[in-house]
Amino acid sequence: MTTYIMLATWTDQGVQHVKDSPRRLDLAKKALKDMDGEFKSFFLTMGDYDIVAVYEAPDDAVAARFNLQLGMLGSIRTHTLKAFPEAAYREIIASLD
C-alpha cells in the first residue's frame, strides 16, 4: 500500500454545511475502503488547511480517483502528497551516486 497525505480546505459550500462534515467523512472513509484503501489518521487543523488526513491506497490511480470523487462533491479542495516511509527514504538516499 502507498501512503498519501491529504491537505484539504473547505469550500464555501463545505463551510456552510460544516455540521454535516462528520457524515461526509464517514462516506469518504467508506468510499476509500470500497477502493481497497484506508484512512490512517484524520485531523481538524488550524492554519492554511482545515483538514489533514493520512490514508493508504493500492496505487496512485486509486488515490487520484478518490481525490477527484471528493472534489466532485464540492465541499473540499484537496492537495495530496505521496509519502515515502522511512525504509523507502533510506533506500532512496542510499541509491544516490
C-alpha atoms as a PDB file:
ATOM      1  CA  MET A   1       0.000   0.000   0.000  1.00  0.00           C
ATOM      2  CA  THR A   2       1.113   3.523  -0.735  1.00  0.00           C
ATOM      3  CA  THR A   3       0.689   6.305   1.820  1.00  0.00           C
ATOM      4  CA  TYR A   4      -0.773   9.697   0.910  1.00  0.00           C
ATOM      5  CA  ILE A   5      -1.124  12.881   2.927  1.00  0.00           C
ATOM      6  CA  MET A   6      -4.195  14.900   2.010  1.00  0.00           C
ATOM      7  CA  LEU A   7      -4.337  18.605   2.813  1.00  0.00           C
ATOM      8  CA  ALA A   8      -7.857  19.953   2.425  1.00  0.00           C
ATOM      9  CA  THR A   9      -9.695  23.234   2.668  1.00  0.00           C
ATOM     10  CA  TRP A  10     -13.427  23.645   2.903  1.00  0.00           C
ATOM     11  CA  THR A  11     -15.153  25.350   0.014  1.00  0.00           C
ATOM     12  CA  ASP A  12     -17.878  27.912   0.701  1.00  0.00           C
ATOM     13  CA  GLN A  13     -20.371  25.068   0.347  1.00  0.00           C
ATOM     14  CA  GLY A  14     -18.396  22.922   2.785  1.00  0.00           C
ATOM     15  CA  VAL A  15     -18.279  25.656   5.439  1.00  0.00           C
ATOM     16  CA  GLN A  16     -21.975  26.478   5.027  1.00  0.00           C
ATOM     17  CA  HIS A  17     -22.767  22.830   5.792  1.00  0.00           C
ATOM     18  CA  VAL A  18     -19.910  22.152   8.221  1.00  0.00           C
ATOM     19  CA  LYS A  19     -22.224  20.436  10.722  1.00  0.00           C
ATOM     20  CA  ASP A  20     -22.660  17.712   8.098  1.00  0.00           C
ATOM     21  CA  SER A  21     -18.885  17.239   7.855  1.00  0.00           C
ATOM     22  CA  PRO A  22     -18.710  14.150  10.149  1.00  0.00           C
ATOM     23  CA  ARG A  23     -21.234  12.359   7.926  1.00  0.00           C
ATOM     24  CA  ARG A  24     -19.237  13.316   4.835  1.00  0.00           C
ATOM     25  CA  LEU A  25     -16.090  11.952   6.487  1.00  0.00           C
ATOM     26  CA  ASP A  26     -17.849   8.646   7.157  1.00  0.00           C
ATOM     27  CA  LEU A  27     -18.895   8.489   3.498  1.00  0.00           C
ATOM     28  CA  ALA A  28     -15.332   9.271   2.383  1.00  0.00           C
ATOM     29  CA  LYS A  29     -13.964   6.505   4.626  1.00  0.00           C
ATOM     30  CA  LYS A  30     -16.441   4.038   3.123  1.00  0.00           C
ATOM     31  CA  ALA A  31     -15.643   5.150  -0.434  1.00  0.00           C
ATOM     32  CA  LEU A  32     -11.916   4.694   0.163  1.00  0.00           C
ATOM     33  CA  LYS A  33     -12.466   1.311   1.795  1.00  0.00           C
ATOM     34  CA  ASP A  34     -14.522   0.239  -1.235  1.00  0.00           C
ATOM     35  CA  MET A  35     -11.408   1.064  -3.328  1.00  0.00           C
ATOM     36  CA  ASP A  36      -9.295  -1.146  -1.029  1.00  0.00           C
ATOM     37  CA  GLY A  37      -7.804   1.865   0.769  1.00  0.00           C
ATOM     38  CA  GLU A  38      -7.940   3.040   4.364  1.00  0.00           C
ATOM     39  CA  PHE A  39      -7.737   6.248   6.375  1.00  0.00           C
ATOM     40  CA  LYS A  40      -4.895   6.027   8.912  1.00  0.00           C
ATOM     41  CA  SER A  41      -5.288   9.445  10.580  1.00  0.00           C
ATOM     42  CA  PHE A  42      -7.625  12.408  10.329  1.00  0.00           C
ATOM     43  CA  PHE A  43      -7.128  15.862  11.872  1.00  0.00           C
ATOM     44  CA  LEU A  44      -9.073  19.102  12.015  1.00  0.00           C
ATOM     45  CA  THR A  45      -6.359  21.738  11.707  1.00  0.00           C
ATOM     46  CA  MET A  46      -5.910  25.485  12.011  1.00  0.00           C
ATOM     47  CA  GLY A  47      -3.868  27.443   9.519  1.00  0.00           C
ATOM     48  CA  ASP A  48      -3.676  27.175   5.746  1.00  0.00           C
ATOM     49  CA  TYR A  49      -5.594  23.874   5.723  1.00  0.00           C
ATOM     50  CA  ASP A  50      -8.787  22.874   7.512  1.00  0.00           C
ATOM     51  CA  ILE A  51      -8.156  19.126   7.361  1.00  0.00           C
ATOM     52  CA  VAL A  52      -5.096  16.898   7.209  1.00  0.00           C
ATOM     53  CA  ALA A  53      -5.605  13.207   6.596  1.00  0.00           C
ATOM     54  CA  VAL A  54      -3.216  10.323   6.103  1.00  0.00           C
ATOM     55  CA  TYR A  55      -4.526   7.429   4.057  1.00  0.00           C
ATOM     56  CA  GLU A  56      -3.318   4.382   2.196  1.00  0.00           C
ATOM     57  CA  ALA A  57      -4.377   3.308  -1.274  1.00  0.00           C
ATOM     58  CA  PRO A  58      -3.254   0.453  -3.512  1.00  0.00           C
ATOM     59  CA  ASP A  59      -1.734   2.812  -6.110  1.00  0.00           C
ATOM     60  CA  ASP A  60      -1.649   6.347  -7.498  1.00  0.00           C
ATOM     61  CA  ALA A  61      -4.635   5.748  -9.801  1.00  0.00           C
ATOM     62  CA  VAL A  62      -6.843   4.816  -6.850  1.00  0.00           C
ATOM     63  CA  ALA A  63      -5.631   7.842  -4.879  1.00  0.00           C
ATOM     64  CA  ALA A  64      -6.338  10.125  -7.846  1.00  0.00           C
ATOM     65  CA  ARG A  65      -9.812   8.657  -8.332  1.00  0.00           C
ATOM     66  CA  PHE A  66     -10.558   9.051  -4.620  1.00  0.00           C
ATOM     67  CA  ASN A  67      -9.428  12.699  -4.571  1.00  0.00           C
ATOM     68  CA  LEU A  68     -11.401  13.501  -7.706  1.00  0.00           C
ATOM     69  CA  GLN A  69     -14.531  11.936  -6.225  1.00  0.00           C
ATOM     70  CA  LEU A  70     -14.099  14.059  -3.093  1.00  0.00           C
ATOM     71  CA  GLY A  71     -13.667  17.175  -5.200  1.00  0.00           C
ATOM     72  CA  MET A  72     -16.772  16.403  -7.244  1.00  0.00           C
ATOM     73  CA  LEU A  73     -18.872  16.552  -4.066  1.00  0.00           C
ATOM     74  CA  GLY A  74     -17.999  20.242  -3.777  1.00  0.00           C
ATOM     75  CA  SER A  75     -17.285  20.510  -0.043  1.00  0.00           C
ATOM     76  CA  ILE A  76     -13.474  20.420  -0.051  1.00  0.00           C
ATOM     77  CA  ARG A  77     -10.490  21.138  -2.259  1.00  0.00           C
ATOM     78  CA  THR A  78      -7.528  18.865  -1.780  1.00  0.00           C
ATOM     79  CA  HIS A  79      -3.768  18.863  -2.216  1.00  0.00           C
ATOM     80  CA  THR A  80      -2.310  15.397  -1.935  1.00  0.00           C
ATOM     81  CA  LEU A  81       1.260  14.356  -1.249  1.00  0.00           C
ATOM     82  CA  LYS A  82       2.643  10.903  -1.927  1.00  0.00           C
ATOM     83  CA  ALA A  83       4.567   9.859   1.172  1.00  0.00           C
ATOM     84  CA  PHE A  84       7.568   7.554   1.381  1.00  0.00           C
ATOM     85  CA  PRO A  85       8.041   5.690   4.672  1.00  0.00           C
ATOM     86  CA  GLU A  86      11.394   5.789   6.428  1.00  0.00           C
ATOM     87  CA  ALA A  87      12.607   2.494   4.927  1.00  0.00           C
ATOM     88  CA  ALA A  88      11.922   3.754   1.397  1.00  0.00           C
ATOM     89  CA  TYR A  89      13.543   7.095   2.245  1.00  0.00           C
ATOM     90  CA  ARG A  90      16.688   5.317   3.404  1.00  0.00           C
ATOM     91  CA  GLU A  91      16.730   3.149   0.265  1.00  0.00           C
ATOM     92  CA  ILE A  92      16.321   6.184  -1.999  1.00  0.00           C
ATOM     93  CA  ILE A  93      19.095   8.099  -0.242  1.00  0.00           C
ATOM     94  CA  ALA A  94      21.419   5.072  -0.271  1.00  0.00           C
ATOM     95  CA  SER A  95      20.918   4.705  -4.020  1.00  0.00           C
ATOM     96  CA  LEU A  96      22.295   8.184  -4.777  1.00  0.00           C
ATOM     97  CA  ASP A  97      25.640   8.358  -6.561  1.00  0.00           C
END
